Amino acid sequence: ELIDALPYSKPVRDKALRALRRLGDAEAKMHGIGLDEVHFHEVGAQDSIIDMVGFCVAMEQLGITRLVCSPLTRGRGMIKCAHGELPLPAPATLELLRDVPSRPAGRDGEHVTPTAAALLATLADEFGDMPAGVVEAIGYGAGTRDPKHGPPNAVRAALVDQSGAGREAGETLIVEAGIDDMDPQLFPVLEDALLAAGAVDIAVLATQMKKGRPGMCVRAVTKPDRLDAVADAFLTHSTTIGIRYWPVARIVGERTMQDVETEFGPIRVKVTHHRGKLVNVKPEFEDCKAAAQKAGTSVKDVVHAAIAAFRSSAK
């Protein structure tokens, strides 16, 4: 009721309530009681609410749409609390870290509180390294405890813009193989297998192999989590005995698919924008081919009709 009565937006209140409920569920489970019986005696109900609401307000005011957090550091040693001495991480904290990436501490002491664990376990979209993008702002917060050894008792946050210039978030890989001994009829089969394995683009380039032999370089673009599948496709559906790969960055236009009505029937059109400007309009070839065969006309006539229909509808 207290959070619902606060003068903040509904998304802020909902996020804070989710985190507080997660904390309450963990405390209730550790004490063997119902959620309505939890008093947050260790963390202080008011302090937890202030921390959680303040965190959610900051996320909204900063325009944060995705939260990436490094793995949380588990505590080590013992801690005195209302129930006597307990091992670290505290039972409620460890419960909150269930299914959350974490790492061991390098020194004794509490490294993540139940409130922080509840917030990050609830609101983080991903746990891992800082994502690709442009760092726009950096903030630091330090606790009152001053450790004599090891990492500082501080937290760092960075505001990263991933939207600029159509830069694609996350790493992309180029995977390629040189082939000089394969039946040309098998290249389309290989391309289909690579696409099915997760490649987002494929190029086949003429090249010269060792001993002066002409060959083909097959190059696929994919995400790191599809590397094994793409490598399997190369080794299974071609004569290559190995592949090479390396990370690259991509700038990708914003693509949408629209349906347009033409004299030959409906045609899907791929529309691309970059920096808010229309840069390309491309009718789907298979749609145009099927419509041309049905109408007994040329594919280029259907393509021209689809582009004209799109431009007419965009006015």
Protein backbone atom coordinates (compact mmCIF):
# COMPACT_ATOMS: atom_id res chain seq x y z
CA GLU A 1 0.00 0.00 0.00
CA LEU A 2 2.85 2.39 0.81
CA ILE A 3 4.51 1.86 -2.59
CA ASP A 4 1.19 2.05 -4.44
CA ALA A 5 0.53 5.45 -2.81
CA LEU A 6 3.83 6.97 -3.96
CA PRO A 7 3.68 9.74 -6.62
CA TYR A 8 5.64 7.78 -9.21
CA SER A 9 4.71 6.10 -12.48
CA LYS A 10 3.08 2.68 -12.48
CA PRO A 11 6.15 0.99 -14.08
CA VAL A 12 8.32 2.35 -11.24
CA ARG A 13 5.90 1.12 -8.58
CA ASP A 14 5.47 -2.26 -10.27
CA LYS A 15 9.23 -2.87 -10.48
CA ALA A 16 9.76 -1.88 -6.85
CA LEU A 17 6.89 -4.13 -5.73
CA ARG A 18 8.30 -7.09 -7.68
CA ALA A 19 11.71 -6.66 -6.05
CA LEU A 20 10.21 -6.20 -2.57
CA ARG A 21 8.02 -9.26 -3.01
CA ARG A 22 11.04 -11.30 -4.10
CA LEU A 23 12.88 -10.19 -0.96
CA GLY A 24 9.84 -10.98 1.17
CA ASP A 25 9.44 -14.43 -0.40
CA ALA A 26 13.09 -15.25 0.38
CA GLU A 27 12.80 -14.07 4.01
CA ALA A 28 9.54 -15.96 4.45
CA LYS A 29 11.04 -19.17 3.09
CA MET A 30 14.08 -18.92 5.37
CA HIS A 31 11.89 -18.34 8.44
CA GLY A 32 9.20 -20.85 7.51
CA ILE A 33 6.44 -18.24 7.73
CA GLY A 34 3.94 -16.58 5.43
CA LEU A 35 4.78 -13.51 3.37
CA ASP A 36 2.40 -11.35 5.43
CA GLU A 37 4.37 -12.22 8.59
CA VAL A 38 7.72 -10.93 7.29
CA HIS A 39 8.96 -7.83 9.12
CA PHE A 40 12.34 -7.30 7.38
CA HIS A 41 13.90 -6.92 10.80
CA GLU A 42 17.42 -7.32 9.46
CA VAL A 43 17.30 -4.86 6.57
CA GLY A 44 14.65 -2.46 7.84
CA ALA A 45 11.44 -2.23 5.88
CA GLN A 46 11.71 1.50 5.26
CA ASP A 47 15.34 1.31 4.13
CA SER A 48 14.54 -1.50 1.69
CA ILE A 49 11.58 0.38 0.24
CA ILE A 50 13.62 3.58 -0.17
CA ASP A 51 16.45 1.68 -1.86
CA MET A 52 14.17 -0.20 -4.22
CA VAL A 53 11.95 2.72 -5.19
CA GLY A 54 14.96 5.03 -5.62
CA PHE A 55 16.66 2.48 -7.88
CA CYS A 56 13.55 2.13 -10.06
CA VAL A 57 13.03 5.90 -10.24
CA ALA A 58 16.65 6.35 -11.35
CA MET A 59 16.22 3.72 -14.07
CA GLU A 60 13.17 5.54 -15.42
CA GLN A 61 14.72 9.02 -15.28
CA LEU A 62 17.89 7.81 -17.01
CA GLY A 63 15.84 6.12 -19.73
CA ILE A 64 17.34 2.70 -19.06
CA THR A 65 15.64 0.05 -21.18
CA ARG A 66 18.02 -2.85 -20.52
CA LEU A 67 20.00 -3.65 -17.37
CA VAL A 68 23.17 -5.76 -17.65
CA CYS A 69 24.93 -6.72 -14.42
CA SER A 70 28.23 -8.46 -13.77
CA PRO A 71 28.01 -11.71 -11.78
CA LEU A 72 27.34 -10.91 -8.12
CA THR A 73 30.03 -11.56 -5.52
CA ARG A 74 28.99 -13.95 -2.77
CA GLY A 75 29.98 -13.19 0.82
CA ARG A 76 32.40 -15.30 2.83
CA GLY A 77 32.85 -15.98 6.54
CA MET A 78 30.31 -15.36 9.32
CA ILE A 79 28.01 -12.47 10.19
CA LYS A 80 26.24 -11.52 13.43
CA CYS A 81 22.51 -10.89 13.12
CA ALA A 82 19.30 -11.11 15.15
CA HIS A 83 19.48 -14.93 14.96
CA GLY A 84 23.09 -15.14 16.13
CA GLU A 85 26.02 -15.95 13.87
CA LEU A 86 25.20 -17.10 10.35
CA PRO A 87 27.41 -18.13 7.44
CA LEU A 88 27.78 -15.82 4.47
CA PRO A 89 26.11 -15.41 2.10
CA ALA A 90 23.22 -14.90 4.52
CA PRO A 91 20.48 -17.50 4.00
CA ALA A 92 18.04 -15.02 2.43
CA THR A 93 20.77 -13.63 0.17
CA LEU A 94 21.75 -17.09 -1.03
CA GLU A 95 18.10 -17.87 -1.75
CA LEU A 96 17.87 -14.67 -3.80
CA LEU A 97 20.98 -15.70 -5.74
CA ARG A 98 19.29 -18.89 -6.89
CA ASP A 99 19.60 -19.09 -10.72
CA VAL A 100 21.67 -15.86 -10.71
CA PRO A 101 25.33 -15.94 -11.88
CA SER A 102 27.66 -15.31 -8.92
CA ARG A 103 31.31 -15.69 -8.00
CA PRO A 104 33.25 -16.36 -4.78
CA ALA A 105 34.61 -13.51 -2.70
CA GLY A 106 38.30 -12.84 -2.33
CA ARG A 107 37.98 -11.80 1.32
CA ASP A 108 35.67 -12.34 4.31
CA GLY A 109 32.60 -10.19 4.73
CA GLU A 110 29.21 -9.47 3.17
CA HIS A 111 29.59 -8.39 -0.45
CA VAL A 112 25.97 -8.24 -1.57
CA THR A 113 23.01 -7.46 0.70
CA PRO A 114 19.59 -9.11 0.46
CA THR A 115 18.11 -5.84 -0.83
CA ALA A 116 20.70 -5.55 -3.61
CA ALA A 117 20.35 -9.22 -4.51
CA ALA A 118 16.56 -8.86 -4.74
CA LEU A 119 16.81 -5.75 -6.92
CA LEU A 120 19.31 -7.18 -9.37
CA ALA A 121 17.83 -10.67 -9.49
CA THR A 122 14.46 -9.11 -10.32
CA LEU A 123 15.40 -6.31 -12.71
CA ALA A 124 18.59 -7.41 -14.51
CA ASP A 125 17.93 -8.48 -18.09
CA GLU A 126 21.31 -10.19 -18.38
CA PHE A 127 24.36 -11.05 -16.28
CA GLY A 128 27.72 -10.72 -18.03
CA ASP A 129 30.19 -8.25 -19.49
CA MET A 130 29.37 -4.65 -20.31
CA PRO A 131 27.58 -4.69 -23.69
CA ALA A 132 28.88 -3.10 -26.87
CA GLY A 133 27.94 0.54 -27.31
CA VAL A 134 28.94 4.10 -26.47
CA VAL A 135 29.55 4.83 -22.76
CA GLU A 136 27.73 8.10 -22.05
CA ALA A 137 27.98 8.38 -18.27
CA ILE A 138 29.64 6.62 -15.33
CA GLY A 139 28.63 6.67 -11.67
CA TYR A 140 30.26 5.35 -8.50
CA GLY A 141 28.85 4.60 -5.07
CA ALA A 142 30.93 3.66 -2.02
CA GLY A 143 29.88 2.02 1.23
CA THR A 144 30.96 3.16 4.69
CA ARG A 145 33.08 0.08 5.37
CA ASP A 146 36.69 0.59 4.32
CA PRO A 147 38.39 -2.73 3.56
CA LYS A 148 42.12 -2.76 4.16
CA HIS A 149 42.80 -5.32 1.47
CA GLY A 150 41.20 -6.47 -1.76
CA PRO A 151 38.69 -4.70 -4.01
CA PRO A 152 37.11 -1.45 -2.80
CA ASN A 153 33.68 -1.47 -1.16
CA ALA A 154 32.12 0.31 -4.12
CA VAL A 155 29.80 -0.20 -7.06
CA ARG A 156 30.16 1.26 -10.55
CA ALA A 157 27.40 1.84 -13.08
CA ALA A 158 27.78 2.88 -16.72
CA LEU A 159 25.11 4.24 -19.04
CA VAL A 160 25.70 2.67 -22.47
CA ASP A 161 23.99 3.84 -25.65
CA GLN A 162 23.47 0.92 -28.03
CA SER A 163 21.25 2.73 -30.50
CA GLY A 164 23.69 5.05 -32.27
CA ALA A 165 24.25 4.79 -36.03
CA GLY A 166 22.43 1.48 -36.27
CA ARG A 167 25.27 -0.34 -34.51
CA GLU A 168 24.22 -3.86 -33.73
CA ALA A 169 24.29 -4.79 -30.07
CA GLY A 170 26.54 -7.70 -29.17
CA GLU A 171 29.33 -9.46 -31.00
CA THR A 172 29.03 -10.86 -34.51
CA LEU A 173 31.30 -13.48 -36.07
CA ILE A 174 32.47 -14.10 -39.61
CA VAL A 175 33.02 -17.81 -40.24
CA GLU A 176 34.60 -18.92 -43.50
CA ALA A 177 36.19 -21.81 -45.34
CA GLY A 178 38.18 -22.08 -48.55
CA ILE A 179 37.00 -24.89 -50.84
CA ASP A 180 38.62 -26.07 -54.09
CA ASP A 181 37.49 -29.68 -54.47
CA MET A 182 33.69 -29.66 -54.17
CA ASP A 183 31.02 -30.31 -56.80
CA PRO A 184 29.50 -26.88 -57.64
CA GLN A 185 26.01 -28.38 -57.29
CA LEU A 186 26.65 -28.80 -53.57
CA PHE A 187 27.19 -25.09 -52.83
CA PRO A 188 23.43 -24.30 -52.67
CA VAL A 189 23.03 -27.27 -50.31
CA LEU A 190 25.80 -25.86 -48.09
CA GLU A 191 24.21 -22.41 -48.11
CA ASP A 192 20.84 -23.83 -47.04
CA ALA A 193 22.52 -25.77 -44.22
CA LEU A 194 24.38 -22.66 -43.01
CA LEU A 195 21.17 -20.61 -42.94
CA ALA A 196 19.39 -23.37 -41.05
CA ALA A 197 22.27 -23.44 -38.56
CA GLY A 198 21.89 -19.75 -37.73
CA ALA A 199 23.89 -17.79 -40.32
CA VAL A 200 22.29 -14.40 -41.00
CA ASP A 201 24.17 -13.76 -44.23
CA ILE A 202 26.30 -15.78 -46.67
CA ALA A 203 28.72 -14.81 -49.43
CA VAL A 204 30.52 -17.10 -51.89
CA LEU A 205 33.65 -15.49 -53.35
CA ALA A 206 35.98 -16.70 -56.08
CA THR A 207 39.54 -17.04 -54.82
CA GLN A 208 42.85 -18.72 -55.55
CA MET A 209 43.93 -21.55 -53.29
CA LYS A 210 47.37 -23.04 -52.70
CA LYS A 211 49.24 -24.54 -55.65
CA GLY A 212 47.46 -22.05 -57.90
CA ARG A 213 44.14 -23.90 -57.82
CA PRO A 214 40.95 -21.83 -58.30
CA GLY A 215 38.50 -22.19 -55.45
CA MET A 216 35.62 -20.60 -53.57
CA CYS A 217 35.62 -18.82 -50.22
CA VAL A 218 32.32 -19.42 -48.41
CA ARG A 219 31.76 -16.77 -45.75
CA ALA A 220 28.93 -16.79 -43.20
CA VAL A 221 27.91 -14.12 -40.68
CA THR A 222 26.51 -15.40 -37.39
CA LYS A 223 26.22 -14.83 -33.65
CA PRO A 224 28.63 -16.45 -31.16
CA ASP A 225 25.95 -18.75 -29.75
CA ARG A 226 25.47 -20.27 -33.24
CA LEU A 227 29.18 -20.81 -33.95
CA ASP A 228 29.17 -24.54 -33.18
CA ALA A 229 26.10 -25.15 -35.34
CA VAL A 230 27.54 -23.16 -38.25
CA ALA A 231 30.88 -24.98 -37.94
CA ASP A 232 29.03 -28.32 -37.98
CA ALA A 233 27.21 -27.26 -41.16
CA PHE A 234 30.50 -26.38 -42.86
CA LEU A 235 32.16 -29.66 -41.91
CA THR A 236 29.11 -31.82 -42.68
CA HIS A 237 27.88 -30.31 -45.94
CA SER A 238 31.15 -29.35 -47.65
CA THR A 239 34.54 -30.89 -48.32
CA THR A 240 36.44 -28.49 -46.07
CA ILE A 241 38.34 -29.96 -43.13
CA GLY A 242 38.40 -26.76 -41.09
CA ILE A 243 36.97 -23.26 -40.68
CA ARG A 244 38.30 -19.93 -39.42
CA TYR A 245 36.35 -17.22 -37.63
CA TRP A 246 36.81 -13.79 -36.10
CA PRO A 247 34.65 -11.12 -34.42
CA VAL A 248 33.42 -8.08 -36.36
CA ALA A 249 31.12 -5.12 -35.76
CA ARG A 250 28.09 -4.42 -37.95
CA ILE A 251 25.99 -1.38 -38.75
CA VAL A 252 22.52 -2.54 -39.68
CA GLY A 253 19.58 -0.52 -40.95
CA GLU A 254 16.21 -0.76 -39.23
CA ARG A 255 14.19 -3.23 -41.30
CA THR A 256 10.44 -3.76 -41.38
CA MET A 257 8.18 -5.84 -43.61
CA GLN A 258 5.07 -4.31 -45.15
CA ASP A 259 2.33 -5.71 -47.38
CA VAL A 260 1.31 -3.74 -50.47
CA GLU A 261 -1.54 -4.37 -52.88
CA THR A 262 -0.67 -4.50 -56.59
CA GLU A 263 -2.54 -5.42 -59.75
CA PHE A 264 -0.81 -8.80 -59.44
CA GLY A 265 -1.96 -9.37 -55.85
CA PRO A 266 -0.40 -8.72 -52.41
CA ILE A 267 3.40 -8.47 -52.26
CA ARG A 268 5.59 -8.23 -49.18
CA VAL A 269 8.10 -5.38 -49.24
CA LYS A 270 11.20 -5.09 -47.05
CA VAL A 271 11.66 -1.44 -45.99
CA THR A 272 14.96 -0.18 -44.53
CA HIS A 273 15.58 3.04 -42.60
CA HIS A 274 18.90 4.44 -41.36
CA ARG A 275 19.12 7.38 -38.95
CA GLY A 276 15.41 7.92 -39.49
CA LYS A 277 15.73 8.15 -43.29
CA LEU A 278 14.25 5.73 -45.83
CA VAL A 279 17.21 4.16 -47.63
CA ASN A 280 15.86 1.08 -49.41
CA VAL A 281 12.66 -0.59 -50.60
CA LYS A 282 12.94 -4.21 -51.75
CA PRO A 283 9.99 -6.40 -52.76
CA GLU A 284 10.32 -10.02 -51.69
CA PHE A 285 11.60 -11.90 -54.74
CA GLU A 286 9.68 -15.13 -54.11
CA ASP A 287 6.41 -13.19 -53.82
CA CYS A 288 7.16 -11.40 -57.09
CA LYS A 289 8.15 -14.62 -58.83
CA ALA A 290 4.97 -16.42 -57.77
CA ALA A 291 2.78 -13.46 -58.76
CA ALA A 292 4.52 -13.17 -62.15
CA GLN A 293 4.02 -16.86 -62.91
CA LYS A 294 0.35 -16.64 -61.97
CA ALA A 295 -0.23 -13.51 -64.07
CA GLY A 296 1.91 -14.64 -67.01
CA THR A 297 4.13 -11.58 -66.85
CA SER A 298 7.76 -10.81 -66.00
CA VAL A 299 9.15 -10.67 -62.48
CA LYS A 300 10.52 -7.17 -63.09
CA ASP A 301 7.00 -5.92 -63.91
CA VAL A 302 5.78 -7.19 -60.54
CA VAL A 303 8.81 -5.66 -58.77
CA HIS A 304 8.13 -2.27 -60.34
CA ALA A 305 4.44 -2.51 -59.45
CA ALA A 306 5.25 -3.37 -55.81
CA ILE A 307 7.67 -0.44 -55.45
CA ALA A 308 5.14 1.93 -57.03
CA ALA A 309 2.43 0.66 -54.69
CA PHE A 310 4.65 1.20 -51.67
CA ARG A 311 5.58 4.75 -52.69
CA SER A 312 1.92 5.53 -53.34
CA SER A 313 0.89 4.24 -49.91
CA ALA A 314 3.72 6.16 -48.21
CA LYS A 315 2.54 9.55 -49.47
